[in-house]
Every structure is written in structure tokens, then in C-alpha cells.
Amino acid sequence: MEKVIAFDAASMQFRVYFPKCETILASVRALPVRRFHKDWNEPYWIAGADVNTASALANLAFNNDFIVCSVAAEKIQAALSGVAERNIKGMKAAGTLSCFEVRTAYNESIVAMLKSCAASTMDSTKTWKLPVHTSSIRIVISLVRDYGLSIDPSVLESAQSVLKKNAADGFIDVCREVDAVIELCESRIAQSTPRAMPPLAVLDTSIVANWMRGNAARREKSKEQASASRTGARAAQRAIDRGFEEEAALMNREQIAAVHRNLKALAGVCDGAATQDDVGFNGPDAKVGRGLALLPVLDSLQAALARAMLQKYTRQLGKEAIEQMS
């Protein structure tokens, strides 16, 4: 798996993973809501969970053979069938609307608006809760009308009942605004038609999560191997500079293998920086020793330099291990 669409429940957004490909990149950049997330281990694109983005993701996955995690597939199907979760929900207590719950992708303007609401809070799932009063109802009206967030018309009707019951100053004007937003919501619902999701390659979310963890580990290992290759190249040049070429030419396969074994033995008990409890490489040798130990094979120049370095580790490696290199 390299091309994957997952779903992040915490942020309520899709994640799109893919290797470098100009065609796929152009399609992702054309998504209605998208943002690149640069991560050293696993860079990916973040995509919104709105209907248009979900439809575009479904086509992207189908046309480019993406693996789709089961939760992401459910979210895409829900969006396409017109039963996507509402951004704004109403919670009732004793049969009366008590608070609004708002969940949406991060938007600085929306967050500022939600923070401005008296007694608003945000829980660990990044869900905002607004107590029902004239100010919060005005905010909900703006979120639906100006930012395109979704809400069930019945929640707005309940909010209108609260306004009429409290009869605060200006409630008639707010009720008229609520009526207009109810009409807008009903119009959006009428215009939305269910769309069929193409057959996608769907895998259980846990399998995709395991792949993501494994992929991050592979990238980390790849970085280590790249660093080891650079260390190996520098070690070979250092061997030439220090006049080890003749000695390297005389080393046989068994001696080189013995050097590599000894490097691995010391690297296995070293943290990569210095000795611990007088075990492993000392500070000056740690980087080159560990780097050479990570190489799949040593060349004769690298082995000659390492053999000279390892002579001081007789106590740790044992006399026999040192003699096998000679």
C-alpha cells in the first residue's frame, strides 16, 4: 500500500497519502477543501469532509487505485448519499433545546466567532458547545448562511421556540433570520441528490493504521540507511587520506566479515553517542562505528579503517574477535 485515503476522527477530515505523482497531485490540489501537512515521517494531504470533496475523493480513489480505509469509505458513502453528519447539532434537556454542538474543519474566522459566544466550550473531540441564547443563535445563523455549515431545519425550529419563549429584545428580527435560514437549509436538501459511490478497494481501518505505523518506521529506517551510506563514503575517503590503501588491498573476505561483526557487536550495546557503563563505542568513534555497522556490507577501505579503530576495544570484544580481523 502506498496510495491510501484514511479518516481522522479527531479533526473530522480525510487524509490522503500517495507517492510523488504529478497526475495525482493535480487532482488533490483541485479538491474543494485541502491542505498539505508536512511531516518528516509521513507527509500527507488533509481534505475536508464536505459532499463535494467526498465525491472528488471517491473518483480519485477509483481512478488511481487507492486503498480506502473502512471508516473513510463510510464517510464518503454517507456524504454521497446525502446523509452526512450535520456540522451543527442540537442537544435537548427535558424536551427543550439546551445547546448547539458544532464540529467543522479548522477555520480561523469560525473559531473566533465561536470563542466570542458567551459560555462556549470545546471538548477533547474538538466539538464546540454553545448554550442556546440570542447571541449563539445569531452565530449559528451566520455559520449556516455565510460559511455553508449544515444543520437540520428542526434544530432551527427548536431554537426559534426558545427565542419566542424568552422574548428577549429584538427576538422578532432574529426569528425572521431563522426563518430565512430554514428556507435555505430546505433548499439545499432539495437540491442535493444522492450519488453512487464507485467500487473502491476498502480495507479495515486497523489494517490501514498498521500500514501507516509500519510506513513511518520504514521511512525512519531509510533515513538511518542514508546516513550510514554517507558515513561509509566518508570513512573510505578517510582511509585513503590516512594511507590504508595497501592494507585494505591485502584484507580477505573473512577479515572484512570479522570487522563487520565486531562493529555490529559494539553498536548493539551503544546508544549511538558514547559508551554507557564503559560498554560500546567511545564518543569519538560512535558515529562512524554505528554508521559502518548499519551498512549491509563493508568494502576493504572501510574495513581497514574500522579494524584500526577496533584495536582499542579488546576488553569488550575479546582477544579472539580481535585476532579474527588480523
Protein backbone atom coordinates (compact mmCIF):
# COMPACT_ATOMS: atom_id res chain seq x y z
CA MET A 1 0.00 0.00 0.00
CA GLU A 2 1.32 3.42 -0.97
CA LYS A 3 -1.83 5.26 -2.09
CA VAL A 4 -4.21 5.45 0.86
CA ILE A 5 -7.23 7.50 1.91
CA ALA A 6 -7.83 7.43 5.67
CA PHE A 7 -10.09 9.39 8.01
CA ASP A 8 -9.02 11.29 11.13
CA ALA A 9 -11.92 11.15 13.60
CA ALA A 10 -10.39 13.82 15.85
CA SER A 11 -10.37 16.51 13.16
CA MET A 12 -13.24 15.05 11.09
CA GLN A 13 -11.10 15.23 7.95
CA PHE A 14 -9.76 12.85 5.33
CA ARG A 15 -6.06 12.12 4.96
CA VAL A 16 -4.65 11.37 1.51
CA TYR A 17 -1.31 9.55 1.23
CA PHE A 18 0.39 8.94 -2.11
CA PRO A 19 3.91 8.75 -3.61
CA LYS A 20 5.19 11.53 -5.84
CA CYS A 21 2.95 11.65 -8.91
CA GLU A 22 2.10 14.82 -10.83
CA THR A 23 -1.26 13.49 -12.05
CA ILE A 24 -2.48 12.59 -8.55
CA LEU A 25 -1.03 15.80 -7.13
CA ALA A 26 -3.00 17.86 -9.66
CA SER A 27 -6.21 16.02 -8.70
CA VAL A 28 -5.60 16.56 -4.97
CA ARG A 29 -4.86 20.24 -5.48
CA ALA A 30 -8.20 20.52 -7.27
CA LEU A 31 -10.12 19.27 -4.21
CA PRO A 32 -12.55 21.89 -2.89
CA VAL A 33 -11.07 21.74 0.63
CA ARG A 34 -7.47 20.59 1.00
CA ARG A 35 -4.24 21.42 2.82
CA PHE A 36 -0.77 19.87 2.74
CA HIS A 37 0.59 18.56 6.05
CA LYS A 38 4.36 18.29 6.07
CA ASP A 39 5.54 15.55 8.39
CA TRP A 40 9.09 14.20 8.32
CA ASN A 41 7.96 10.60 8.67
CA GLU A 42 4.73 10.67 6.68
CA PRO A 43 3.67 13.79 4.72
CA TYR A 44 0.04 13.77 3.61
CA TRP A 45 -2.79 15.95 2.34
CA ILE A 46 -5.75 16.90 4.55
CA ALA A 47 -9.13 17.04 2.80
CA GLY A 48 -12.47 18.30 4.06
CA ALA A 49 -15.45 16.04 4.72
CA ASP A 50 -18.00 18.04 2.71
CA VAL A 51 -20.05 16.41 -0.05
CA ASN A 52 -18.09 17.87 -2.97
CA THR A 53 -14.72 16.87 -1.51
CA ALA A 54 -16.01 13.37 -0.68
CA SER A 55 -17.24 12.95 -4.26
CA ALA A 56 -13.88 14.08 -5.65
CA LEU A 57 -12.04 11.70 -3.29
CA ALA A 58 -14.21 8.79 -4.41
CA ASN A 59 -13.32 9.48 -8.04
CA LEU A 60 -9.65 9.98 -7.16
CA ALA A 61 -9.55 6.64 -5.32
CA PHE A 62 -11.36 4.77 -8.10
CA ASN A 63 -9.30 6.22 -10.97
CA ASN A 64 -5.92 5.85 -9.26
CA ASP A 65 -6.31 2.54 -7.40
CA PHE A 66 -6.21 3.97 -3.87
CA ILE A 67 -6.76 1.84 -0.80
CA VAL A 68 -9.58 3.34 1.29
CA CYS A 69 -9.90 2.57 5.00
CA SER A 70 -13.35 1.36 6.02
CA VAL A 71 -14.20 4.44 8.12
CA ALA A 72 -13.22 6.75 5.25
CA ALA A 73 -15.38 4.69 2.89
CA GLU A 74 -18.34 5.03 5.26
CA LYS A 75 -17.86 8.80 5.46
CA ILE A 76 -17.64 9.09 1.67
CA GLN A 77 -20.74 6.95 1.23
CA ALA A 78 -22.64 8.99 3.83
CA ALA A 79 -21.68 12.25 2.14
CA LEU A 80 -22.64 11.00 -1.31
CA SER A 81 -25.97 9.60 -0.13
CA GLY A 82 -26.95 12.92 1.37
CA VAL A 83 -26.98 11.67 4.97
CA ALA A 84 -23.66 13.13 6.04
CA GLU A 85 -23.35 14.16 9.65
CA ARG A 86 -24.51 17.70 10.27
CA ASN A 87 -21.87 20.24 11.26
CA ILE A 88 -24.26 21.67 13.84
CA LYS A 89 -26.44 19.53 16.07
CA GLY A 90 -28.93 20.41 18.78
CA MET A 91 -28.86 18.78 22.21
CA LYS A 92 -32.03 18.72 24.30
CA ALA A 93 -32.65 18.62 28.04
CA ALA A 94 -36.15 18.00 29.40
CA GLY A 95 -37.52 18.26 25.87
CA THR A 96 -36.07 21.75 25.30
CA LEU A 97 -33.09 22.69 23.14
CA SER A 98 -30.24 23.29 25.60
CA CYS A 99 -27.10 23.68 23.49
CA PHE A 100 -25.64 23.57 20.00
CA GLU A 101 -22.77 21.23 19.13
CA VAL A 102 -20.53 22.46 16.31
CA ARG A 103 -17.92 20.35 14.52
CA THR A 104 -16.12 21.53 11.42
CA ALA A 105 -12.69 21.77 9.83
CA TYR A 106 -10.44 24.45 11.31
CA ASN A 107 -11.21 27.96 10.11
CA GLU A 108 -9.75 30.95 11.92
CA SER A 109 -12.84 33.11 11.37
CA ILE A 110 -15.20 30.39 12.59
CA VAL A 111 -13.08 29.73 15.69
CA ALA A 112 -13.02 33.44 16.53
CA MET A 113 -16.80 33.56 16.17
CA LEU A 114 -17.30 30.52 18.41
CA LYS A 115 -14.93 31.91 21.05
CA SER A 116 -16.91 35.15 21.10
CA CYS A 117 -20.05 33.30 22.22
CA ALA A 118 -20.70 33.62 25.95
CA ALA A 119 -20.05 30.36 27.88
CA SER A 120 -18.87 28.46 24.77
CA THR A 121 -16.59 25.47 25.39
CA MET A 122 -14.61 22.96 23.31
CA ASP A 123 -14.20 19.32 24.41
CA SER A 124 -11.43 16.80 23.69
CA THR A 125 -13.02 15.79 20.37
CA LYS A 126 -12.78 19.41 19.13
CA THR A 127 -16.56 19.79 19.39
CA TRP A 128 -17.75 23.26 20.34
CA LYS A 129 -20.74 23.56 22.66
CA LEU A 130 -22.79 26.74 22.68
CA PRO A 131 -25.60 27.36 25.18
CA VAL A 132 -28.81 28.45 23.50
CA HIS A 133 -29.39 32.19 23.68
CA THR A 134 -29.88 35.03 21.20
CA SER A 135 -26.13 35.53 20.62
CA SER A 136 -25.44 31.83 19.94
CA ILE A 137 -28.44 31.59 17.60
CA ARG A 138 -27.10 34.55 15.62
CA ILE A 139 -23.73 32.75 15.38
CA VAL A 140 -25.41 29.56 14.14
CA ILE A 141 -27.32 31.59 11.54
CA SER A 142 -24.05 33.06 10.27
CA LEU A 143 -22.29 29.66 10.21
CA VAL A 144 -25.06 28.17 8.07
CA ARG A 145 -25.70 31.17 5.85
CA ASP A 146 -22.18 32.57 5.38
CA TYR A 147 -19.91 29.54 5.85
CA GLY A 148 -22.08 26.76 4.41
CA LEU A 149 -22.23 24.62 7.55
CA SER A 150 -25.09 22.13 7.72
CA ILE A 151 -27.86 21.85 10.30
CA ASP A 152 -31.18 20.04 10.44
CA PRO A 153 -34.06 22.53 9.98
CA SER A 154 -35.79 21.01 13.03
CA VAL A 155 -32.94 22.28 15.25
CA LEU A 156 -33.51 25.80 13.96
CA GLU A 157 -37.23 25.45 14.65
CA SER A 158 -36.42 24.44 18.23
CA ALA A 159 -34.12 27.45 18.55
CA GLN A 160 -36.93 29.66 17.30
CA SER A 161 -39.21 28.27 20.02
CA VAL A 162 -36.61 29.19 22.65
CA LEU A 163 -36.45 32.73 21.27
CA LYS A 164 -40.21 33.14 21.37
CA LYS A 165 -40.40 31.72 24.89
CA ASN A 166 -37.73 34.06 26.25
CA ALA A 167 -38.98 37.05 24.22
CA ALA A 168 -35.68 38.92 24.55
CA ASP A 169 -35.16 42.30 22.90
CA GLY A 170 -35.00 42.01 19.12
CA PHE A 171 -36.19 38.38 19.11
CA ILE A 172 -38.65 39.10 16.27
CA ASP A 173 -35.83 40.15 13.93
CA VAL A 174 -33.80 37.07 14.89
CA CYS A 175 -36.84 34.83 14.30
CA ARG A 176 -37.13 36.26 10.79
CA GLU A 177 -33.46 35.47 10.17
CA VAL A 178 -34.06 31.93 11.44
CA ASP A 179 -36.99 31.57 9.02
CA ALA A 180 -34.74 32.60 6.13
CA VAL A 181 -32.04 30.11 7.15
CA ILE A 182 -34.63 27.32 7.50
CA GLU A 183 -35.70 28.01 3.91
CA LEU A 184 -32.04 27.98 2.84
CA CYS A 185 -31.43 24.59 4.53
CA GLU A 186 -34.55 23.09 2.97
CA SER A 187 -33.47 24.40 -0.42
CA ARG A 188 -30.02 22.80 -0.03
CA ILE A 189 -31.60 19.49 0.96
CA ALA A 190 -33.94 19.59 -2.05
CA GLN A 191 -31.06 20.33 -4.42
CA SER A 192 -28.81 17.58 -3.09
CA THR A 193 -29.29 14.31 -4.93
CA PRO A 194 -27.76 11.02 -3.75
CA ARG A 195 -24.72 9.95 -5.76
CA ALA A 196 -23.48 6.41 -6.14
CA MET A 197 -20.04 5.63 -4.77
CA PRO A 198 -17.82 3.77 -7.28
CA PRO A 199 -16.47 0.36 -6.22
CA LEU A 200 -13.42 1.11 -4.09
CA ALA A 201 -10.70 -1.08 -2.60
CA VAL A 202 -11.76 -0.90 1.05
CA LEU A 203 -9.65 -2.27 3.91
CA ASP A 204 -10.40 -2.41 7.62
CA THR A 205 -9.25 0.75 9.38
CA SER A 206 -6.98 -1.21 11.75
CA ILE A 207 -5.07 -2.69 8.78
CA VAL A 208 -4.55 0.75 7.28
CA ALA A 209 -3.44 2.10 10.69
CA ASN A 210 -0.88 -0.72 10.97
CA TRP A 211 0.40 0.12 7.49
CA MET A 212 0.75 3.79 8.41
CA ARG A 213 2.77 2.91 11.52
CA GLY A 214 4.91 0.49 9.53
CA ASN A 215 5.43 3.02 6.76
CA ALA A 216 6.67 5.59 9.27
CA ALA A 217 9.10 3.00 10.65
CA ARG A 218 10.32 2.19 7.13
CA ARG A 219 10.94 5.87 6.45
CA GLU A 220 12.89 6.16 9.70
CA LYS A 221 14.98 3.13 8.74
CA SER A 222 15.55 4.62 5.29
CA LYS A 223 16.90 7.79 6.91
CA GLU A 224 19.28 5.69 9.04
CA GLN A 225 20.48 3.80 5.97
CA ALA A 226 21.05 7.03 4.05
CA SER A 227 23.07 8.39 6.97
CA ALA A 228 25.06 5.15 7.14
CA SER A 229 25.85 5.39 3.41
CA ARG A 230 27.21 8.90 3.89
CA THR A 231 29.27 7.72 6.87
CA GLY A 232 30.63 4.85 4.78
CA ALA A 233 31.69 7.18 1.97
CA ARG A 234 33.45 9.50 4.41
CA ALA A 235 35.16 6.53 6.10
CA ALA A 236 36.50 5.26 2.77
CA GLN A 237 37.92 8.71 1.96
CA ARG A 238 39.45 8.95 5.43
CA ALA A 239 41.10 5.56 4.92
CA ILE A 240 42.71 6.85 1.71
CA ASP A 241 43.83 10.06 3.41
CA ARG A 242 45.43 8.07 6.24
CA GLY A 243 47.26 5.70 3.88
CA PHE A 244 45.25 2.49 4.45
CA GLU A 245 45.06 1.58 0.74
CA GLU A 246 47.82 -1.04 0.78
CA GLU A 247 46.48 -2.61 3.97
CA ALA A 248 42.96 -2.64 2.51
CA ALA A 249 44.17 -4.41 -0.64
CA LEU A 250 45.54 -7.27 1.48
CA MET A 251 42.36 -7.88 3.50
CA ASN A 252 40.39 -11.01 2.60
CA ARG A 253 36.64 -11.66 2.80
CA GLU A 254 36.83 -13.38 6.21
CA GLN A 255 38.74 -10.49 7.78
CA ILE A 256 36.25 -7.94 6.43
CA ALA A 257 33.36 -10.04 7.77
CA ALA A 258 35.04 -10.22 11.20
CA VAL A 259 35.43 -6.43 11.25
CA HIS A 260 31.74 -6.03 10.40
CA ARG A 261 30.72 -8.49 13.16
CA ASN A 262 32.72 -6.57 15.73
CA LEU A 263 31.23 -3.24 14.64
CA LYS A 264 27.72 -4.68 14.98
CA ALA A 265 28.54 -6.14 18.40
CA LEU A 266 29.63 -2.75 19.74
CA ALA A 267 26.79 -0.87 18.03
CA GLY A 268 24.29 -3.26 19.61
CA VAL A 269 25.18 -2.11 23.13
CA CYS A 270 25.71 1.56 22.30
CA ASP A 271 23.16 4.36 22.19
CA GLY A 272 24.84 5.82 19.11
CA ALA A 273 26.50 8.64 21.00
CA ALA A 274 29.01 7.24 23.52
CA THR A 275 29.74 4.35 25.86
CA GLN A 276 27.32 3.51 28.64
CA ASP A 277 28.84 1.92 31.74
CA ASP A 278 32.06 1.59 29.75
CA VAL A 279 30.30 -0.58 27.14
CA GLY A 280 30.07 0.20 23.42
CA PHE A 281 31.89 2.78 21.30
CA ASN A 282 33.55 5.72 22.95
CA GLY A 283 32.38 9.22 22.00
CA PRO A 284 34.72 9.97 19.06
CA ASP A 285 34.14 6.54 17.47
CA ALA A 286 30.38 6.32 18.00
CA LYS A 287 29.12 7.97 14.81
CA VAL A 288 31.48 6.28 12.36
CA GLY A 289 31.28 2.92 14.16
CA ARG A 290 27.49 2.85 14.26
CA GLY A 291 27.23 4.11 10.67
CA LEU A 292 29.55 1.38 9.36
CA ALA A 293 27.71 -1.25 11.41
CA LEU A 294 24.43 -0.31 9.68
CA LEU A 295 25.87 -0.84 6.19
CA PRO A 296 24.84 -4.14 4.55
CA VAL A 297 28.49 -4.86 3.59
CA LEU A 298 31.84 -3.14 4.06
CA ASP A 299 34.38 -2.51 1.35
CA SER A 300 38.06 -3.10 2.06
CA LEU A 301 38.88 0.57 2.71
CA GLN A 302 36.08 0.90 5.26
CA ALA A 303 37.13 -2.37 6.88
CA ALA A 304 40.79 -1.30 7.12
CA LEU A 305 39.88 1.97 8.84
CA ALA A 306 37.44 0.21 11.18
CA ARG A 307 39.99 -2.51 12.05
CA ALA A 308 42.47 0.11 13.20
CA MET A 309 39.74 1.78 15.27
CA LEU A 310 38.62 -1.52 16.85
CA GLN A 311 42.07 -2.45 18.20
CA LYS A 312 41.35 -0.43 21.37
CA TYR A 313 38.21 -2.49 22.17
CA THR A 314 39.96 -5.77 23.08
CA ARG A 315 38.42 -5.82 26.56
CA GLN A 316 34.88 -5.55 25.20
CA LEU A 317 35.21 -7.76 22.11
CA GLY A 318 37.69 -10.32 23.42
CA LYS A 319 41.12 -11.27 22.15
CA GLU A 320 39.77 -13.91 19.76
CA ALA A 321 37.46 -11.45 17.98
CA ILE A 322 40.36 -9.03 17.52
CA GLU A 323 42.61 -11.79 16.13
CA GLN A 324 39.95 -12.82 13.58
CA MET A 325 40.34 -9.42 11.94
CA SER A 326 44.13 -9.81 11.51
